[in-house]
Amino acid sequence: MAGSDITIEILKEIRETTRATSARLDSLEGSFNRRLDVTNEHLEVVTDRLAVVTDRLDVMSDRLDLVETTLLDVVRESRSTSRYLRVLGRQQTDIEPRVSALESRVDKLESK
């Protein structure tokens, strides 16, 4: 029976160790759950901040689209104005000899 007493004692020690381990795991689980809750709270804050940043980026993108459209309009108008000024410049060079000729004719007529 001495062997069975040792077996009983070993089983009791195993039971106590198992209970102690279970208690430690329970306390760790609570700590782990608290850490998960804190992590989730931090993630919610980060998610909210990212939503704000995303909204701001959307507004900035809209503004940049408007700037791009405006710049393209300005470039088109500038090209159109440049073409118009080139045409006027050509017309002016065509008119100058004619005006000079008319002036000389008027001078001749006035001198008579």
C-alpha atoms as a PDB file:
ATOM      1  CA  MET A   1       0.000   0.000   0.000  1.00  0.00           C
ATOM      2  CA  ALA A   2       2.947   2.267   0.307  1.00  0.00           C
ATOM      3  CA  GLY A   3       3.123   2.427  -3.498  1.00  0.00           C
ATOM      4  CA  SER A   4      -0.492   3.481  -3.738  1.00  0.00           C
ATOM      5  CA  ASP A   5       0.091   6.222  -1.099  1.00  0.00           C
ATOM      6  CA  ILE A   6       2.877   7.631  -3.267  1.00  0.00           C
ATOM      7  CA  THR A   7       0.638   7.444  -6.314  1.00  0.00           C
ATOM      8  CA  ILE A   8      -2.086   9.309  -4.445  1.00  0.00           C
ATOM      9  CA  GLU A   9       0.393  11.976  -3.350  1.00  0.00           C
ATOM     10  CA  ILE A  10       1.710  12.356  -6.917  1.00  0.00           C
ATOM     11  CA  LEU A  11      -1.845  12.656  -8.214  1.00  0.00           C
ATOM     12  CA  LYS A  12      -2.620  15.289  -5.541  1.00  0.00           C
ATOM     13  CA  GLU A  13       0.477  17.273  -6.579  1.00  0.00           C
ATOM     14  CA  ILE A  14      -0.529  17.034 -10.228  1.00  0.00           C
ATOM     15  CA  ARG A  15      -4.027  18.242  -9.306  1.00  0.00           C
ATOM     16  CA  GLU A  16      -2.633  21.200  -7.308  1.00  0.00           C
ATOM     17  CA  THR A  17      -0.222  22.108 -10.102  1.00  0.00           C
ATOM     18  CA  THR A  18      -3.048  21.889 -12.638  1.00  0.00           C
ATOM     19  CA  ARG A  19      -5.233  24.157 -10.472  1.00  0.00           C
ATOM     20  CA  ALA A  20      -2.379  26.645 -10.059  1.00  0.00           C
ATOM     21  CA  THR A  21      -1.705  26.591 -13.781  1.00  0.00           C
ATOM     22  CA  SER A  22      -5.399  27.062 -14.487  1.00  0.00           C
ATOM     23  CA  ALA A  23      -5.537  30.036 -12.086  1.00  0.00           C
ATOM     24  CA  ARG A  24      -2.487  31.612 -13.769  1.00  0.00           C
ATOM     25  CA  LEU A  25      -4.017  31.084 -17.186  1.00  0.00           C
ATOM     26  CA  ASP A  26      -7.260  32.677 -16.011  1.00  0.00           C
ATOM     27  CA  SER A  27      -5.382  35.733 -14.757  1.00  0.00           C
ATOM     28  CA  LEU A  28      -3.385  35.897 -17.986  1.00  0.00           C
ATOM     29  CA  GLU A  29      -6.577  35.630 -19.990  1.00  0.00           C
ATOM     30  CA  GLY A  30      -8.017  38.638 -18.149  1.00  0.00           C
ATOM     31  CA  SER A  31      -4.810  40.587 -18.761  1.00  0.00           C
ATOM     32  CA  PHE A  32      -4.818  39.514 -22.398  1.00  0.00           C
ATOM     33  CA  ASN A  33      -8.458  40.585 -22.782  1.00  0.00           C
ATOM     34  CA  ARG A  34      -7.662  43.972 -21.249  1.00  0.00           C
ATOM     35  CA  ARG A  35      -4.761  44.389 -23.653  1.00  0.00           C
ATOM     36  CA  LEU A  36      -7.004  43.440 -26.570  1.00  0.00           C
ATOM     37  CA  ASP A  37      -9.576  45.994 -25.440  1.00  0.00           C
ATOM     38  CA  VAL A  38      -6.934  48.724 -25.235  1.00  0.00           C
ATOM     39  CA  THR A  39      -5.568  47.722 -28.637  1.00  0.00           C
ATOM     40  CA  ASN A  40      -9.067  47.834 -30.110  1.00  0.00           C
ATOM     41  CA  GLU A  41      -9.593  51.312 -28.661  1.00  0.00           C
ATOM     42  CA  HIS A  42      -6.333  52.490 -30.189  1.00  0.00           C
ATOM     43  CA  LEU A  43      -7.307  50.968 -33.521  1.00  0.00           C
ATOM     44  CA  GLU A  44     -10.641  52.800 -33.415  1.00  0.00           C
ATOM     45  CA  VAL A  45      -8.831  56.097 -32.820  1.00  0.00           C
ATOM     46  CA  VAL A  46      -6.445  55.365 -35.689  1.00  0.00           C
ATOM     47  CA  THR A  47      -9.358  54.401 -37.929  1.00  0.00           C
ATOM     48  CA  ASP A  48     -11.141  57.663 -37.108  1.00  0.00           C
ATOM     49  CA  ARG A  49      -7.996  59.637 -37.869  1.00  0.00           C
ATOM     50  CA  LEU A  50      -7.548  57.798 -41.148  1.00  0.00           C
ATOM     51  CA  ALA A  51     -11.134  58.622 -42.075  1.00  0.00           C
ATOM     52  CA  VAL A  52     -10.427  62.312 -41.447  1.00  0.00           C
ATOM     53  CA  VAL A  53      -7.233  62.143 -43.510  1.00  0.00           C
ATOM     54  CA  THR A  54      -9.107  60.368 -46.306  1.00  0.00           C
ATOM     55  CA  ASP A  55     -11.790  63.057 -46.302  1.00  0.00           C
ATOM     56  CA  ARG A  56      -9.141  65.769 -46.440  1.00  0.00           C
ATOM     57  CA  LEU A  57      -7.382  64.006 -49.303  1.00  0.00           C
ATOM     58  CA  ASP A  58     -10.666  63.790 -51.190  1.00  0.00           C
ATOM     59  CA  VAL A  59     -11.190  67.550 -50.754  1.00  0.00           C
ATOM     60  CA  MET A  60      -7.591  68.208 -51.820  1.00  0.00           C
ATOM     61  CA  SER A  61      -8.043  65.998 -54.875  1.00  0.00           C
ATOM     62  CA  ASP A  62     -11.175  67.935 -55.860  1.00  0.00           C
ATOM     63  CA  ARG A  63      -9.289  71.204 -55.455  1.00  0.00           C
ATOM     64  CA  LEU A  64      -6.382  69.952 -57.547  1.00  0.00           C
ATOM     65  CA  ASP A  65      -8.811  68.840 -60.251  1.00  0.00           C
ATOM     66  CA  LEU A  66     -10.239  72.357 -60.282  1.00  0.00           C
ATOM     67  CA  VAL A  67      -6.757  73.893 -60.471  1.00  0.00           C
ATOM     68  CA  GLU A  68      -5.832  71.559 -63.314  1.00  0.00           C
ATOM     69  CA  THR A  69      -8.991  72.430 -65.244  1.00  0.00           C
ATOM     70  CA  THR A  70      -8.404  76.136 -64.679  1.00  0.00           C
ATOM     71  CA  LEU A  71      -4.789  75.902 -65.826  1.00  0.00           C
ATOM     72  CA  LEU A  72      -5.821  74.042 -68.961  1.00  0.00           C
ATOM     73  CA  ASP A  73      -8.371  76.783 -69.695  1.00  0.00           C
ATOM     74  CA  VAL A  74      -5.712  79.458 -69.169  1.00  0.00           C
ATOM     75  CA  VAL A  75      -3.333  77.644 -71.535  1.00  0.00           C
ATOM     76  CA  ARG A  76      -6.038  77.407 -74.205  1.00  0.00           C
ATOM     77  CA  GLU A  77      -6.864  81.099 -73.865  1.00  0.00           C
ATOM     78  CA  SER A  78      -3.179  81.996 -73.950  1.00  0.00           C
ATOM     79  CA  ARG A  79      -2.671  80.025 -77.167  1.00  0.00           C
ATOM     80  CA  SER A  80      -5.721  81.620 -78.702  1.00  0.00           C
ATOM     81  CA  THR A  81      -4.520  85.101 -77.733  1.00  0.00           C
ATOM     82  CA  SER A  82      -1.051  84.349 -79.072  1.00  0.00           C
ATOM     83  CA  ARG A  83      -2.468  83.236 -82.420  1.00  0.00           C
ATOM     84  CA  TYR A  84      -4.674  86.320 -82.601  1.00  0.00           C
ATOM     85  CA  LEU A  85      -1.715  88.602 -81.865  1.00  0.00           C
ATOM     86  CA  ARG A  86       0.377  86.877 -84.554  1.00  0.00           C
ATOM     87  CA  VAL A  87      -2.401  87.467 -87.092  1.00  0.00           C
ATOM     88  CA  LEU A  88      -2.671  91.127 -86.049  1.00  0.00           C
ATOM     89  CA  GLY A  89       1.091  91.490 -86.348  1.00  0.00           C
ATOM     90  CA  ARG A  90       1.018  90.126 -89.881  1.00  0.00           C
ATOM     91  CA  GLN A  91      -1.865  92.417 -90.832  1.00  0.00           C
ATOM     92  CA  GLN A  92       0.015  95.400 -89.452  1.00  0.00           C
ATOM     93  CA  THR A  93       3.057  94.654 -91.605  1.00  0.00           C
ATOM     94  CA  ASP A  94       0.756  94.324 -94.630  1.00  0.00           C
ATOM     95  CA  ILE A  95      -0.958  97.665 -93.913  1.00  0.00           C
ATOM     96  CA  GLU A  96       2.169  99.767 -93.315  1.00  0.00           C
ATOM     97  CA  PRO A  97       3.296 100.003 -96.970  1.00  0.00           C
ATOM     98  CA  ARG A  98      -0.248 100.801 -98.053  1.00  0.00           C
ATOM     99  CA  VAL A  99      -0.594 103.553 -95.444  1.00  0.00           C
ATOM    100  CA  SER A 100       2.799 104.988 -96.444  1.00  0.00           C
ATOM    101  CA  ALA A 101       1.740 105.013-100.073  1.00  0.00           C
ATOM    102  CA  LEU A 102      -1.537 106.750 -99.194  1.00  0.00           C
ATOM    103  CA  GLU A 103       0.286 109.327 -97.081  1.00  0.00           C
ATOM    104  CA  SER A 104       2.637 110.164 -99.905  1.00  0.00           C
ATOM    105  CA  ARG A 105      -0.309 110.499-102.321  1.00  0.00           C
ATOM    106  CA  VAL A 106      -2.122 112.806 -99.892  1.00  0.00           C
ATOM    107  CA  ASP A 107       1.049 114.874 -99.474  1.00  0.00           C
ATOM    108  CA  LYS A 108       1.321 115.257-103.265  1.00  0.00           C
ATOM    109  CA  LEU A 109      -2.324 116.233-103.533  1.00  0.00           C
ATOM    110  CA  GLU A 110      -2.045 118.752-100.713  1.00  0.00           C
ATOM    111  CA  SER A 111       1.056 120.337-102.205  1.00  0.00           C
ATOM    112  CA  LYS A 112      -0.805 121.123-105.467  1.00  0.00           C
END
